[in-house]
N, C-alpha and C. Protein backbone atom coordinates (compact mmCIF):
# COMPACT_ATOMS: atom_id res chain seq x y z
N UNK A 1 13.63 229.91 56.19
CA UNK A 1 12.50 229.41 56.96
C UNK A 1 11.89 230.57 57.74
N UNK A 2 10.60 230.77 57.54
CA UNK A 2 9.94 231.84 58.28
C UNK A 2 9.32 231.27 59.53
N UNK A 3 9.31 232.09 60.52
CA UNK A 3 8.77 231.67 61.81
C UNK A 3 7.42 232.33 62.04
N UNK A 4 6.45 231.54 62.47
CA UNK A 4 5.14 232.11 62.77
C UNK A 4 5.24 232.94 64.04
N UNK A 5 4.56 234.05 64.02
CA UNK A 5 4.52 234.84 65.25
C UNK A 5 3.57 234.16 66.23
N UNK A 6 3.68 234.53 67.48
CA UNK A 6 2.84 233.89 68.49
C UNK A 6 1.36 234.13 68.22
N UNK A 7 1.02 235.15 67.44
CA UNK A 7 -0.38 235.43 67.13
C UNK A 7 -0.93 234.58 66.00
N UNK A 8 -0.11 233.75 65.36
CA UNK A 8 -0.57 232.95 64.23
C UNK A 8 -0.72 231.46 64.56
N UNK A 9 -0.62 231.08 65.79
CA UNK A 9 -0.68 229.66 66.15
C UNK A 9 -2.01 229.03 65.77
N UNK A 10 -3.08 229.80 65.75
CA UNK A 10 -4.39 229.23 65.43
C UNK A 10 -4.55 228.93 63.94
N UNK A 11 -3.64 229.43 63.11
CA UNK A 11 -3.70 229.16 61.68
C UNK A 11 -3.08 227.82 61.30
N UNK A 12 -2.49 227.14 62.24
CA UNK A 12 -1.79 225.90 61.95
C UNK A 12 -2.75 224.80 61.49
N UNK A 13 -2.32 224.08 60.48
CA UNK A 13 -3.09 222.92 60.01
C UNK A 13 -2.90 221.72 60.93
N UNK A 14 -1.95 221.82 61.85
CA UNK A 14 -1.69 220.71 62.77
C UNK A 14 -2.94 220.35 63.57
N UNK A 15 -3.79 221.33 63.85
CA UNK A 15 -5.00 221.05 64.64
C UNK A 15 -5.87 220.01 63.94
N UNK A 16 -6.00 220.12 62.65
CA UNK A 16 -6.80 219.15 61.90
C UNK A 16 -6.19 217.76 61.91
N UNK A 17 -4.87 217.71 61.82
CA UNK A 17 -4.21 216.40 61.85
C UNK A 17 -4.34 215.75 63.23
N UNK A 18 -4.21 216.54 64.28
CA UNK A 18 -4.39 215.99 65.63
C UNK A 18 -5.83 215.51 65.79
N UNK A 19 -6.80 216.32 65.36
CA UNK A 19 -8.21 215.92 65.46
C UNK A 19 -8.48 214.64 64.67
N UNK A 20 -7.78 214.47 63.55
CA UNK A 20 -8.04 213.29 62.72
C UNK A 20 -7.62 211.98 63.38
N UNK A 21 -6.72 212.05 64.36
CA UNK A 21 -6.28 210.82 65.04
C UNK A 21 -6.80 210.72 66.48
N UNK A 22 -7.43 211.77 66.98
CA UNK A 22 -7.84 211.81 68.39
C UNK A 22 -8.83 210.71 68.77
N UNK A 23 -9.66 210.29 67.84
CA UNK A 23 -10.70 209.30 68.15
C UNK A 23 -10.29 207.87 67.81
N UNK A 24 -9.07 207.67 67.34
CA UNK A 24 -8.62 206.32 66.99
C UNK A 24 -8.65 205.38 68.20
N UNK A 25 -8.14 205.77 69.37
CA UNK A 25 -8.23 204.85 70.52
C UNK A 25 -9.67 204.47 70.86
N UNK A 26 -10.58 205.43 70.78
CA UNK A 26 -11.99 205.17 71.04
C UNK A 26 -12.53 204.16 70.02
N UNK A 27 -12.25 204.39 68.75
CA UNK A 27 -12.75 203.50 67.70
C UNK A 27 -12.20 202.08 67.86
N UNK A 28 -10.94 201.96 68.22
CA UNK A 28 -10.34 200.64 68.45
C UNK A 28 -11.02 199.96 69.64
N UNK A 29 -11.20 200.70 70.72
CA UNK A 29 -11.84 200.15 71.92
C UNK A 29 -13.25 199.65 71.61
N UNK A 30 -14.04 200.47 70.93
CA UNK A 30 -15.42 200.08 70.61
C UNK A 30 -15.45 198.87 69.66
N UNK A 31 -14.50 198.80 68.74
CA UNK A 31 -14.44 197.65 67.83
C UNK A 31 -14.07 196.39 68.59
N UNK A 32 -13.14 196.49 69.52
CA UNK A 32 -12.79 195.33 70.35
C UNK A 32 -14.00 194.86 71.14
N UNK A 33 -14.78 195.79 71.67
CA UNK A 33 -15.98 195.42 72.43
C UNK A 33 -17.00 194.69 71.56
N UNK A 34 -17.16 195.15 70.31
CA UNK A 34 -18.09 194.48 69.40
C UNK A 34 -17.70 193.01 69.24
N UNK A 35 -16.40 192.75 69.20
CA UNK A 35 -15.92 191.39 69.01
C UNK A 35 -15.72 190.64 70.33
N UNK A 36 -16.20 191.23 71.43
CA UNK A 36 -16.19 190.53 72.71
C UNK A 36 -14.90 190.60 73.50
N UNK A 37 -13.99 191.48 73.12
CA UNK A 37 -12.73 191.62 73.85
C UNK A 37 -12.97 192.55 75.04
N UNK A 38 -12.79 192.05 76.25
CA UNK A 38 -13.11 192.85 77.45
C UNK A 38 -11.99 193.79 77.89
N UNK A 39 -11.58 194.70 77.03
CA UNK A 39 -10.55 195.67 77.38
C UNK A 39 -11.20 196.85 78.11
N UNK A 40 -10.77 197.10 79.34
CA UNK A 40 -11.29 198.17 80.20
C UNK A 40 -12.76 197.98 80.57
N UNK A 41 -13.27 196.79 80.38
CA UNK A 41 -14.65 196.45 80.73
C UNK A 41 -14.67 194.98 81.15
N UNK A 42 -15.57 194.64 82.04
CA UNK A 42 -15.67 193.25 82.50
C UNK A 42 -16.37 192.38 81.46
N UNK A 43 -16.24 191.07 81.63
CA UNK A 43 -16.97 190.13 80.77
C UNK A 43 -18.47 190.40 80.85
N UNK A 44 -18.94 190.64 82.07
CA UNK A 44 -20.36 190.95 82.27
C UNK A 44 -20.75 192.22 81.51
N UNK A 45 -19.88 193.21 81.52
CA UNK A 45 -20.14 194.46 80.80
C UNK A 45 -20.25 194.23 79.30
N UNK A 46 -19.39 193.37 78.76
CA UNK A 46 -19.46 193.04 77.33
C UNK A 46 -20.77 192.33 77.03
N UNK A 47 -21.13 191.36 77.87
CA UNK A 47 -22.39 190.64 77.66
C UNK A 47 -23.58 191.58 77.73
N UNK A 48 -23.57 192.51 78.70
CA UNK A 48 -24.67 193.47 78.83
C UNK A 48 -24.73 194.40 77.62
N UNK A 49 -23.57 194.82 77.13
CA UNK A 49 -23.53 195.67 75.94
C UNK A 49 -24.11 194.95 74.74
N UNK A 50 -23.71 193.71 74.53
CA UNK A 50 -24.22 192.94 73.40
C UNK A 50 -25.72 192.71 73.52
N UNK A 51 -26.19 192.39 74.72
CA UNK A 51 -27.63 192.18 74.94
C UNK A 51 -28.40 193.47 74.66
N UNK A 52 -27.86 194.58 75.11
CA UNK A 52 -28.51 195.87 74.89
C UNK A 52 -28.57 196.20 73.39
N UNK A 53 -27.51 195.92 72.67
CA UNK A 53 -27.50 196.20 71.23
C UNK A 53 -28.49 195.31 70.48
N UNK A 54 -28.70 194.09 70.97
CA UNK A 54 -29.66 193.19 70.33
C UNK A 54 -31.10 193.60 70.61
N UNK A 55 -31.35 194.20 71.77
CA UNK A 55 -32.74 194.47 72.16
C UNK A 55 -33.13 195.94 72.17
N UNK A 56 -32.21 196.84 72.50
CA UNK A 56 -32.58 198.25 72.69
C UNK A 56 -32.09 199.19 71.59
N UNK A 57 -31.20 198.74 70.74
CA UNK A 57 -30.62 199.63 69.74
C UNK A 57 -31.61 199.92 68.62
N UNK A 58 -31.40 201.05 67.96
CA UNK A 58 -32.22 201.36 66.79
C UNK A 58 -31.90 200.34 65.69
N UNK A 59 -32.78 200.20 64.70
CA UNK A 59 -32.58 199.16 63.67
C UNK A 59 -31.24 199.25 62.92
N UNK A 60 -30.79 200.44 62.61
CA UNK A 60 -29.52 200.59 61.88
C UNK A 60 -28.36 200.13 62.74
N UNK A 61 -28.31 200.60 63.99
CA UNK A 61 -27.23 200.20 64.89
C UNK A 61 -27.25 198.70 65.14
N UNK A 62 -28.43 198.14 65.32
CA UNK A 62 -28.57 196.70 65.56
C UNK A 62 -28.05 195.91 64.36
N UNK A 63 -28.43 196.33 63.16
CA UNK A 63 -27.99 195.66 61.94
C UNK A 63 -26.47 195.71 61.82
N UNK A 64 -25.90 196.90 61.95
CA UNK A 64 -24.45 197.05 61.85
C UNK A 64 -23.72 196.23 62.91
N UNK A 65 -24.23 196.28 64.12
CA UNK A 65 -23.61 195.56 65.23
C UNK A 65 -23.59 194.05 64.97
N UNK A 66 -24.65 193.56 64.34
CA UNK A 66 -24.72 192.12 64.05
C UNK A 66 -23.63 191.70 63.06
N UNK A 67 -23.08 192.67 62.33
CA UNK A 67 -21.99 192.39 61.39
C UNK A 67 -20.64 192.89 61.91
N UNK A 68 -20.57 193.18 63.20
CA UNK A 68 -19.31 193.58 63.81
C UNK A 68 -18.94 195.03 63.63
N UNK A 69 -19.93 195.88 63.42
CA UNK A 69 -19.66 197.31 63.23
C UNK A 69 -20.47 198.11 64.24
N UNK A 70 -19.78 198.93 65.02
CA UNK A 70 -20.45 199.82 65.97
C UNK A 70 -20.67 201.15 65.25
N UNK A 71 -21.90 201.65 65.27
CA UNK A 71 -22.22 202.90 64.58
C UNK A 71 -21.34 204.06 65.05
N UNK A 72 -20.99 204.08 66.33
CA UNK A 72 -20.16 205.18 66.82
C UNK A 72 -18.74 205.13 66.24
N UNK A 73 -18.30 203.97 65.81
CA UNK A 73 -17.00 203.87 65.14
C UNK A 73 -17.10 204.52 63.76
N UNK A 74 -18.20 204.29 63.07
CA UNK A 74 -18.41 204.96 61.77
C UNK A 74 -18.44 206.48 61.96
N UNK A 75 -19.12 206.93 63.01
CA UNK A 75 -19.17 208.37 63.29
C UNK A 75 -17.79 208.92 63.62
N UNK A 76 -16.96 208.13 64.33
CA UNK A 76 -15.59 208.56 64.63
C UNK A 76 -14.77 208.69 63.35
N UNK A 77 -14.98 207.77 62.41
CA UNK A 77 -14.27 207.84 61.13
C UNK A 77 -14.71 209.09 60.36
N UNK A 78 -16.01 209.36 60.35
CA UNK A 78 -16.53 210.56 59.69
C UNK A 78 -15.93 211.82 60.34
N UNK A 79 -15.86 211.83 61.67
CA UNK A 79 -15.27 212.97 62.39
C UNK A 79 -13.80 213.15 62.01
N UNK A 80 -13.09 212.05 61.84
CA UNK A 80 -11.68 212.12 61.44
C UNK A 80 -11.54 212.66 60.01
N UNK A 81 -12.42 212.22 59.13
CA UNK A 81 -12.40 212.72 57.75
C UNK A 81 -12.75 214.21 57.69
N UNK A 82 -13.69 214.64 58.53
CA UNK A 82 -14.03 216.06 58.62
C UNK A 82 -12.80 216.86 59.02
N UNK A 83 -12.07 216.36 60.01
CA UNK A 83 -10.86 217.05 60.46
C UNK A 83 -9.84 217.16 59.33
N UNK A 84 -9.67 216.09 58.57
CA UNK A 84 -8.73 216.13 57.45
C UNK A 84 -9.20 217.07 56.35
N UNK A 85 -10.51 217.13 56.13
CA UNK A 85 -11.04 218.03 55.10
C UNK A 85 -10.73 219.49 55.41
N UNK A 86 -10.58 219.80 56.69
CA UNK A 86 -10.27 221.18 57.08
C UNK A 86 -8.82 221.57 56.80
N UNK A 87 -7.97 220.59 56.50
CA UNK A 87 -6.55 220.88 56.30
C UNK A 87 -5.98 220.35 54.99
N UNK A 88 -6.73 219.56 54.27
CA UNK A 88 -6.24 218.98 53.02
C UNK A 88 -6.83 219.74 51.83
N UNK A 89 -6.19 219.67 50.67
CA UNK A 89 -6.70 220.39 49.49
C UNK A 89 -8.12 219.99 49.11
N UNK A 90 -8.50 218.72 49.32
CA UNK A 90 -9.85 218.29 48.96
C UNK A 90 -10.92 218.88 49.88
N UNK A 91 -10.51 219.59 50.90
CA UNK A 91 -11.46 220.34 51.72
C UNK A 91 -11.74 221.72 51.16
N UNK A 92 -11.00 222.10 50.12
CA UNK A 92 -11.21 223.38 49.44
C UNK A 92 -11.82 223.18 48.05
N UNK A 93 -11.27 222.21 47.32
CA UNK A 93 -11.72 221.92 45.96
C UNK A 93 -12.03 220.43 45.88
N UNK A 94 -13.22 220.09 45.40
CA UNK A 94 -13.61 218.69 45.25
C UNK A 94 -12.68 218.05 44.20
N UNK A 95 -12.10 216.89 44.50
CA UNK A 95 -11.18 216.25 43.55
C UNK A 95 -11.79 216.09 42.16
N UNK A 96 -10.99 216.38 41.14
CA UNK A 96 -11.46 216.37 39.75
C UNK A 96 -12.01 215.01 39.32
N UNK A 97 -11.57 213.95 39.95
CA UNK A 97 -12.00 212.61 39.56
C UNK A 97 -13.44 212.28 39.91
N UNK A 98 -14.11 213.12 40.68
CA UNK A 98 -15.50 212.85 41.04
C UNK A 98 -16.42 213.41 39.95
N UNK A 99 -17.10 212.51 39.22
CA UNK A 99 -17.92 212.94 38.08
C UNK A 99 -19.03 213.92 38.49
N UNK A 100 -19.17 214.96 37.69
CA UNK A 100 -20.25 215.92 37.89
C UNK A 100 -19.95 217.03 38.88
N UNK A 101 -19.12 216.76 39.87
CA UNK A 101 -18.85 217.79 40.88
C UNK A 101 -17.36 218.09 41.04
N UNK A 102 -16.50 217.28 40.44
CA UNK A 102 -15.06 217.47 40.57
C UNK A 102 -14.61 218.83 40.08
N UNK A 103 -13.69 219.44 40.81
CA UNK A 103 -13.15 220.74 40.45
C UNK A 103 -13.90 221.92 41.04
N UNK A 104 -15.04 221.67 41.63
CA UNK A 104 -15.81 222.76 42.25
C UNK A 104 -15.28 223.07 43.64
N UNK A 105 -15.52 224.32 44.06
CA UNK A 105 -15.15 224.71 45.41
C UNK A 105 -16.06 224.02 46.42
N UNK A 106 -15.48 223.61 47.52
CA UNK A 106 -16.28 223.07 48.63
C UNK A 106 -16.87 224.26 49.37
N UNK A 107 -18.19 224.31 49.53
CA UNK A 107 -18.77 225.41 50.31
C UNK A 107 -18.24 225.35 51.74
N UNK A 108 -17.66 226.43 52.20
CA UNK A 108 -17.06 226.46 53.53
C UNK A 108 -18.01 226.05 54.63
N UNK A 109 -19.26 226.47 54.53
CA UNK A 109 -20.24 226.14 55.58
C UNK A 109 -20.45 224.64 55.71
N UNK A 110 -20.24 223.90 54.62
CA UNK A 110 -20.45 222.46 54.64
C UNK A 110 -19.50 221.76 55.62
N UNK A 111 -18.32 222.32 55.80
CA UNK A 111 -17.36 221.78 56.75
C UNK A 111 -17.42 222.51 58.09
N UNK A 112 -17.63 223.81 58.04
CA UNK A 112 -17.56 224.61 59.27
C UNK A 112 -18.73 224.35 60.23
N UNK A 113 -19.93 224.19 59.71
CA UNK A 113 -21.07 223.98 60.61
C UNK A 113 -20.90 222.71 61.44
N UNK A 114 -20.64 221.54 60.82
CA UNK A 114 -20.47 220.35 61.67
C UNK A 114 -19.22 220.41 62.54
N UNK A 115 -18.16 221.07 62.05
CA UNK A 115 -16.94 221.16 62.85
C UNK A 115 -17.17 222.01 64.10
N UNK A 116 -17.78 223.17 63.93
CA UNK A 116 -18.04 224.05 65.08
C UNK A 116 -19.04 223.42 66.04
N UNK A 117 -20.15 222.90 65.52
CA UNK A 117 -21.16 222.30 66.40
C UNK A 117 -20.58 221.09 67.13
N UNK A 118 -19.93 220.20 66.38
CA UNK A 118 -19.34 219.01 66.99
C UNK A 118 -18.26 219.35 67.99
N UNK A 119 -17.36 220.24 67.60
CA UNK A 119 -16.25 220.59 68.48
C UNK A 119 -16.70 221.22 69.78
N UNK A 120 -17.58 222.19 69.68
CA UNK A 120 -18.05 222.88 70.89
C UNK A 120 -18.91 221.96 71.76
N UNK A 121 -19.71 221.10 71.12
CA UNK A 121 -20.54 220.16 71.88
C UNK A 121 -19.67 219.15 72.63
N UNK A 122 -18.73 218.54 71.93
CA UNK A 122 -17.86 217.54 72.57
C UNK A 122 -17.04 218.17 73.69
N UNK A 123 -16.50 219.36 73.44
CA UNK A 123 -15.71 220.03 74.47
C UNK A 123 -16.56 220.34 75.69
N UNK A 124 -17.76 220.85 75.47
CA UNK A 124 -18.66 221.18 76.59
C UNK A 124 -19.04 219.95 77.40
N UNK A 125 -19.40 218.87 76.71
CA UNK A 125 -19.78 217.63 77.41
C UNK A 125 -18.62 217.14 78.26
N UNK A 126 -17.43 217.18 77.71
CA UNK A 126 -16.25 216.70 78.46
C UNK A 126 -15.95 217.59 79.65
N UNK A 127 -16.04 218.89 79.49
CA UNK A 127 -15.80 219.79 80.62
C UNK A 127 -16.80 219.53 81.74
N UNK A 128 -18.07 219.37 81.39
CA UNK A 128 -19.10 219.08 82.40
C UNK A 128 -18.81 217.74 83.07
N UNK A 129 -18.46 216.73 82.28
CA UNK A 129 -18.16 215.40 82.85
C UNK A 129 -16.95 215.46 83.77
N UNK A 130 -15.88 216.12 83.33
CA UNK A 130 -14.69 216.24 84.19
C UNK A 130 -15.01 217.00 85.47
N UNK A 131 -15.81 218.05 85.36
CA UNK A 131 -16.22 218.81 86.55
C UNK A 131 -16.98 217.91 87.52
N UNK A 132 -17.93 217.13 86.99
CA UNK A 132 -18.72 216.24 87.84
C UNK A 132 -17.84 215.17 88.49
N UNK A 133 -16.82 214.72 87.79
CA UNK A 133 -15.88 213.77 88.39
C UNK A 133 -15.09 214.43 89.52
N UNK A 134 -14.66 215.66 89.30
CA UNK A 134 -13.87 216.37 90.30
C UNK A 134 -14.68 216.64 91.57
N UNK A 135 -15.94 217.08 91.40
CA UNK A 135 -16.76 217.41 92.59
C UNK A 135 -17.42 216.17 93.19
N UNK A 136 -17.33 215.04 92.50
CA UNK A 136 -17.85 213.79 93.04
C UNK A 136 -19.31 213.51 92.79
N UNK A 137 -19.95 214.29 91.90
CA UNK A 137 -21.36 213.99 91.62
C UNK A 137 -21.51 212.78 90.71
N UNK A 138 -20.46 212.40 90.02
CA UNK A 138 -20.38 211.08 89.38
C UNK A 138 -19.04 210.49 89.78
N UNK A 139 -19.04 209.18 89.94
CA UNK A 139 -17.81 208.50 90.36
C UNK A 139 -17.55 207.33 89.42
N UNK A 140 -16.29 207.16 89.10
CA UNK A 140 -15.92 206.03 88.25
C UNK A 140 -16.21 204.71 88.93
N UNK A 141 -16.25 204.72 90.25
CA UNK A 141 -16.49 203.48 90.99
C UNK A 141 -17.98 203.11 91.03
N UNK A 142 -18.86 203.95 90.46
CA UNK A 142 -20.29 203.65 90.48
C UNK A 142 -20.66 202.47 89.59
N UNK A 143 -19.80 202.10 88.68
CA UNK A 143 -20.07 200.95 87.83
C UNK A 143 -18.96 199.92 88.00
N UNK A 144 -19.35 198.70 88.20
CA UNK A 144 -18.35 197.65 88.32
C UNK A 144 -17.93 197.10 86.95
N UNK A 145 -18.70 197.42 85.91
CA UNK A 145 -18.41 196.86 84.60
C UNK A 145 -17.25 197.55 83.89
N UNK A 146 -17.07 198.82 84.13
CA UNK A 146 -16.02 199.56 83.44
C UNK A 146 -14.88 199.90 84.38
N UNK A 147 -13.66 199.74 83.88
CA UNK A 147 -12.48 200.13 84.66
C UNK A 147 -12.33 201.65 84.58
N UNK A 148 -11.80 202.27 85.63
CA UNK A 148 -11.63 203.73 85.61
C UNK A 148 -10.84 204.24 84.41
N UNK A 149 -9.91 203.44 83.91
CA UNK A 149 -9.09 203.86 82.78
C UNK A 149 -9.85 204.04 81.48
N UNK A 150 -11.10 203.59 81.42
CA UNK A 150 -11.89 203.72 80.21
C UNK A 150 -12.14 205.19 79.86
N UNK A 151 -12.04 206.05 80.86
CA UNK A 151 -12.28 207.48 80.61
C UNK A 151 -11.23 208.08 79.69
N UNK A 152 -10.03 207.52 79.67
CA UNK A 152 -8.95 208.09 78.87
C UNK A 152 -9.23 207.97 77.37
N UNK A 153 -9.46 206.77 76.82
CA UNK A 153 -9.73 206.72 75.38
C UNK A 153 -11.09 207.30 75.00
N UNK A 154 -12.03 207.30 75.94
CA UNK A 154 -13.37 207.81 75.60
C UNK A 154 -13.40 209.33 75.76
N UNK A 155 -13.47 209.81 76.98
CA UNK A 155 -13.60 211.26 77.19
C UNK A 155 -12.31 212.01 76.86
N UNK A 156 -11.17 211.37 77.05
CA UNK A 156 -9.91 212.02 76.65
C UNK A 156 -9.89 212.28 75.16
N UNK A 157 -10.25 211.26 74.39
CA UNK A 157 -10.32 211.41 72.93
C UNK A 157 -11.37 212.41 72.51
N UNK A 158 -12.54 212.35 73.17
CA UNK A 158 -13.61 213.30 72.84
C UNK A 158 -13.15 214.74 73.10
N UNK A 159 -12.47 214.95 74.24
CA UNK A 159 -12.02 216.30 74.59
C UNK A 159 -10.97 216.80 73.60
N UNK A 160 -9.99 215.96 73.31
CA UNK A 160 -8.94 216.35 72.36
C UNK A 160 -9.54 216.64 71.00
N UNK A 161 -10.47 215.78 70.54
CA UNK A 161 -11.11 216.01 69.25
C UNK A 161 -11.91 217.32 69.28
N UNK A 162 -12.67 217.54 70.34
CA UNK A 162 -13.48 218.75 70.43
C UNK A 162 -12.66 220.02 70.35
N UNK A 163 -11.59 220.07 71.10
CA UNK A 163 -10.73 221.26 71.11
C UNK A 163 -10.02 221.42 69.77
N UNK A 164 -9.43 220.34 69.26
CA UNK A 164 -8.63 220.47 68.04
C UNK A 164 -9.48 220.65 66.79
N UNK A 165 -10.68 220.07 66.73
CA UNK A 165 -11.54 220.31 65.56
C UNK A 165 -12.03 221.75 65.57
N UNK A 166 -12.26 222.30 66.77
CA UNK A 166 -12.66 223.71 66.87
C UNK A 166 -11.53 224.62 66.39
N UNK A 167 -10.30 224.32 66.79
CA UNK A 167 -9.16 225.11 66.33
C UNK A 167 -8.91 224.91 64.84
N UNK A 168 -9.13 223.70 64.34
CA UNK A 168 -8.99 223.44 62.90
C UNK A 168 -10.05 224.21 62.12
N UNK A 169 -11.27 224.29 62.67
CA UNK A 169 -12.34 225.05 62.02
C UNK A 169 -12.00 226.54 62.00
N UNK A 170 -11.48 227.04 63.11
CA UNK A 170 -11.07 228.45 63.16
C UNK A 170 -9.98 228.72 62.12
N UNK A 171 -8.99 227.84 62.06
CA UNK A 171 -7.91 227.98 61.10
C UNK A 171 -8.44 227.96 59.67
N UNK A 172 -9.31 227.00 59.36
CA UNK A 172 -9.91 226.87 58.03
C UNK A 172 -10.69 228.14 57.68
N UNK A 173 -11.47 228.60 58.63
CA UNK A 173 -12.30 229.79 58.40
C UNK A 173 -11.43 231.01 58.09
N UNK A 174 -10.38 231.20 58.86
CA UNK A 174 -9.48 232.34 58.63
C UNK A 174 -8.72 232.16 57.32
N UNK A 175 -8.19 230.97 57.07
CA UNK A 175 -7.42 230.73 55.85
C UNK A 175 -8.27 230.88 54.60
N UNK A 176 -9.51 230.38 54.62
CA UNK A 176 -10.34 230.44 53.41
C UNK A 176 -10.88 231.85 53.19
N UNK A 177 -11.15 232.57 54.23
CA UNK A 177 -11.61 233.96 54.06
C UNK A 177 -10.49 234.83 53.51
N UNK A 178 -9.27 234.59 53.97
CA UNK A 178 -8.16 235.44 53.52
C UNK A 178 -7.71 235.09 52.09
N UNK A 179 -8.12 233.91 51.60
CA UNK A 179 -7.75 233.51 50.24
C UNK A 179 -8.95 233.45 49.30
N UNK A 180 -10.09 233.96 49.74
CA UNK A 180 -11.26 234.03 48.87
C UNK A 180 -11.96 232.71 48.61
N UNK A 181 -11.74 231.70 49.44
CA UNK A 181 -12.40 230.41 49.24
C UNK A 181 -13.73 230.30 49.96
N UNK A 182 -14.03 231.23 50.85
CA UNK A 182 -15.24 231.13 51.66
C UNK A 182 -16.47 231.36 50.80
N UNK A 183 -17.53 230.60 51.12
CA UNK A 183 -18.78 230.76 50.38
C UNK A 183 -19.94 230.83 51.31
């Protein structure tokens, strides 16, 4: 068994696996809200959310919501699949079973651009939000509809995903460049 040196920790595929599960609590919470379960939110908050989705949401979100699907849950699933693509073989070579494109190399930029942009954006938003909470420019008590604990599955998951998808992207970028997979 070989041991990684302390300088190789960023090459670990574990970052992608952690990123792939980081948004699961958020997705579960949002799905429960779609179905009217008031977890970490008041009944009034659920009613207000549903009313807002019926009247203020874009047509796609409104349509999906009417069938019990929150668009942000779909985006969380896509983010999880992106994380897995950075660490699984199908993130390097398109599976042979896909007609017309199977067996081709996945262009590295196709995964790296959304991973870097998403990771750095989510991390930055969370750092700013946490800072504002610490200095008191926003307070969890400002809304009666949401319980303070809602920040854990939402911003906690966003922060973990942002950091780990960025590290997974770095690992993918280094691994693919050193093995000639980069395009």
